[in-house]
Amino acid sequence: MRKTVTVYEALGMVLCHDVTEVVPGRCKGRAFKKGHVMEPEDIQRLLNLGKGHLYVLNMDPGIIHEDDAAMRIAWAAVGPGITTSEPVVVSR
């Protein structure tokens, strides 16, 4: 179930969107990617980015993260001469 929560409530939940970090004159890029599982050390960085609330998935028991599902499929399909890698999002 997708919902909006404070960064403090988001611990252990899955981020539903990328969070962008902009440092004028230096960089602009992704600070957190969609699918990231929120951890205690993420709170201060998000607050520094001005993020007080996030869209997250509350993973119900028995539901697995999409990256874990992708890796399970990859491991089931792997054979001689085939290797696996981290899951990636492919744009259309």
C-alpha atoms as a PDB file:
ATOM      1  CA  MET A   1       0.000   0.000   0.000  1.00  0.00           C
ATOM      2  CA  ARG A   2       1.408   3.398  -1.002  1.00  0.00           C
ATOM      3  CA  LYS A   3       1.163   6.238   1.491  1.00  0.00           C
ATOM      4  CA  THR A   4       2.791   9.487   2.579  1.00  0.00           C
ATOM      5  CA  VAL A   5       4.701   9.439   5.874  1.00  0.00           C
ATOM      6  CA  THR A   6       7.289  11.541   7.696  1.00  0.00           C
ATOM      7  CA  VAL A   7      10.928  10.568   7.251  1.00  0.00           C
ATOM      8  CA  TYR A   8      10.844   9.295  10.846  1.00  0.00           C
ATOM      9  CA  GLU A   9       7.914   6.963  10.135  1.00  0.00           C
ATOM     10  CA  ALA A  10       9.503   5.681   6.898  1.00  0.00           C
ATOM     11  CA  LEU A  11      12.070   3.382   8.537  1.00  0.00           C
ATOM     12  CA  GLY A  12      11.955  -0.077   6.964  1.00  0.00           C
ATOM     13  CA  MET A  13       9.572   1.081   4.238  1.00  0.00           C
ATOM     14  CA  VAL A  14      10.292   1.167   0.494  1.00  0.00           C
ATOM     15  CA  LEU A  15      10.718   4.535  -1.247  1.00  0.00           C
ATOM     16  CA  CYS A  16       8.220   4.964  -4.135  1.00  0.00           C
ATOM     17  CA  HIS A  17      10.173   7.704  -5.937  1.00  0.00           C
ATOM     18  CA  ASP A  18      13.669   9.019  -6.575  1.00  0.00           C
ATOM     19  CA  VAL A  19      14.845  11.834  -4.307  1.00  0.00           C
ATOM     20  CA  THR A  20      16.999  14.402  -6.098  1.00  0.00           C
ATOM     21  CA  GLU A  21      19.837  16.335  -4.487  1.00  0.00           C
ATOM     22  CA  VAL A  22      20.749  19.731  -5.936  1.00  0.00           C
ATOM     23  CA  VAL A  23      23.889  21.603  -4.875  1.00  0.00           C
ATOM     24  CA  PRO A  24      23.924  24.855  -6.902  1.00  0.00           C
ATOM     25  CA  GLY A  25      27.083  25.172  -8.964  1.00  0.00           C
ATOM     26  CA  ARG A  26      28.248  21.668  -8.005  1.00  0.00           C
ATOM     27  CA  CYS A  27      25.879  18.862  -8.803  1.00  0.00           C
ATOM     28  CA  LYS A  28      22.367  17.625  -9.381  1.00  0.00           C
ATOM     29  CA  GLY A  29      21.642  13.948  -9.057  1.00  0.00           C
ATOM     30  CA  ARG A  30      19.804  11.155  -7.375  1.00  0.00           C
ATOM     31  CA  ALA A  31      20.331  11.013  -3.606  1.00  0.00           C
ATOM     32  CA  PHE A  32      17.993   8.027  -3.130  1.00  0.00           C
ATOM     33  CA  LYS A  33      16.548   5.781  -5.800  1.00  0.00           C
ATOM     34  CA  LYS A  34      13.059   4.391  -6.043  1.00  0.00           C
ATOM     35  CA  GLY A  35      12.941   1.076  -4.221  1.00  0.00           C
ATOM     36  CA  HIS A  36      15.428   2.082  -1.504  1.00  0.00           C
ATOM     37  CA  VAL A  37      14.554   0.589   1.896  1.00  0.00           C
ATOM     38  CA  MET A  38      14.702   3.445   4.402  1.00  0.00           C
ATOM     39  CA  GLU A  39      17.322   3.128   7.172  1.00  0.00           C
ATOM     40  CA  PRO A  40      18.010   5.224  10.303  1.00  0.00           C
ATOM     41  CA  GLU A  41      21.080   6.880   8.755  1.00  0.00           C
ATOM     42  CA  ASP A  42      18.897   8.203   5.882  1.00  0.00           C
ATOM     43  CA  ILE A  43      16.845  10.501   8.138  1.00  0.00           C
ATOM     44  CA  GLN A  44      19.349  13.329   8.584  1.00  0.00           C
ATOM     45  CA  ARG A  45      20.344  13.370   4.908  1.00  0.00           C
ATOM     46  CA  LEU A  46      16.688  13.631   3.860  1.00  0.00           C
ATOM     47  CA  LEU A  47      16.071  16.431   6.355  1.00  0.00           C
ATOM     48  CA  ASN A  48      19.163  18.250   4.994  1.00  0.00           C
ATOM     49  CA  LEU A  49      17.619  17.941   1.519  1.00  0.00           C
ATOM     50  CA  GLY A  50      14.439  19.580   2.804  1.00  0.00           C
ATOM     51  CA  LYS A  51      12.416  16.361   2.701  1.00  0.00           C
ATOM     52  CA  GLY A  52      10.103  15.946   5.665  1.00  0.00           C
ATOM     53  CA  HIS A  53       7.649  13.561   4.016  1.00  0.00           C
ATOM     54  CA  LEU A  54       8.042  10.697   1.544  1.00  0.00           C
ATOM     55  CA  TYR A  55       5.873   8.415  -0.563  1.00  0.00           C
ATOM     56  CA  VAL A  56       6.559   4.867   0.607  1.00  0.00           C
ATOM     57  CA  LEU A  57       5.267   1.322   0.292  1.00  0.00           C
ATOM     58  CA  ASN A  58       4.382  -0.446   3.489  1.00  0.00           C
ATOM     59  CA  MET A  59       5.408  -4.008   2.691  1.00  0.00           C
ATOM     60  CA  ASP A  60       2.805  -6.403   4.076  1.00  0.00           C
ATOM     61  CA  PRO A  61       4.019  -9.768   5.424  1.00  0.00           C
ATOM     62  CA  GLY A  62       4.677 -12.209   2.589  1.00  0.00           C
ATOM     63  CA  ILE A  63       5.353  -9.447   0.040  1.00  0.00           C
ATOM     64  CA  ILE A  64       8.940  -9.175  -1.195  1.00  0.00           C
ATOM     65  CA  HIS A  65      10.790  -6.183  -2.627  1.00  0.00           C
ATOM     66  CA  GLU A  66      10.785  -6.003  -6.441  1.00  0.00           C
ATOM     67  CA  ASP A  67      14.608  -6.172  -6.577  1.00  0.00           C
ATOM     68  CA  ASP A  68      14.562  -9.365  -4.479  1.00  0.00           C
ATOM     69  CA  ALA A  69      11.943 -10.842  -6.815  1.00  0.00           C
ATOM     70  CA  ALA A  70      14.070  -9.938  -9.857  1.00  0.00           C
ATOM     71  CA  MET A  71      17.137 -11.581  -8.319  1.00  0.00           C
ATOM     72  CA  ARG A  72      15.188 -14.745  -7.486  1.00  0.00           C
ATOM     73  CA  ILE A  73      14.079 -14.993 -11.116  1.00  0.00           C
ATOM     74  CA  ALA A  74      17.647 -14.344 -12.320  1.00  0.00           C
ATOM     75  CA  TRP A  75      19.122 -17.013 -10.025  1.00  0.00           C
ATOM     76  CA  ALA A  76      16.515 -19.511 -11.226  1.00  0.00           C
ATOM     77  CA  ALA A  77      17.419 -18.798 -14.867  1.00  0.00           C
ATOM     78  CA  VAL A  78      21.213 -18.643 -14.542  1.00  0.00           C
ATOM     79  CA  GLY A  79      23.280 -21.392 -16.117  1.00  0.00           C
ATOM     80  CA  PRO A  80      26.696 -21.994 -17.652  1.00  0.00           C
ATOM     81  CA  GLY A  81      28.090 -18.820 -19.210  1.00  0.00           C
ATOM     82  CA  ILE A  82      25.402 -16.593 -17.681  1.00  0.00           C
ATOM     83  CA  THR A  83      26.049 -14.178 -14.813  1.00  0.00           C
ATOM     84  CA  THR A  84      23.745 -11.975 -12.763  1.00  0.00           C
ATOM     85  CA  SER A  85      23.974  -8.301 -11.859  1.00  0.00           C
ATOM     86  CA  GLU A  86      22.070  -5.797  -9.754  1.00  0.00           C
ATOM     87  CA  PRO A  87      18.520  -5.116 -11.004  1.00  0.00           C
ATOM     88  CA  VAL A  88      18.253  -1.978 -13.156  1.00  0.00           C
ATOM     89  CA  VAL A  89      15.356   0.068 -14.465  1.00  0.00           C
ATOM     90  CA  VAL A  90      15.297   0.235 -18.254  1.00  0.00           C
ATOM     91  CA  SER A  91      13.649   3.332 -19.758  1.00  0.00           C
ATOM     92  CA  ARG A  92      11.412   2.951 -22.759  1.00  0.00           C
END
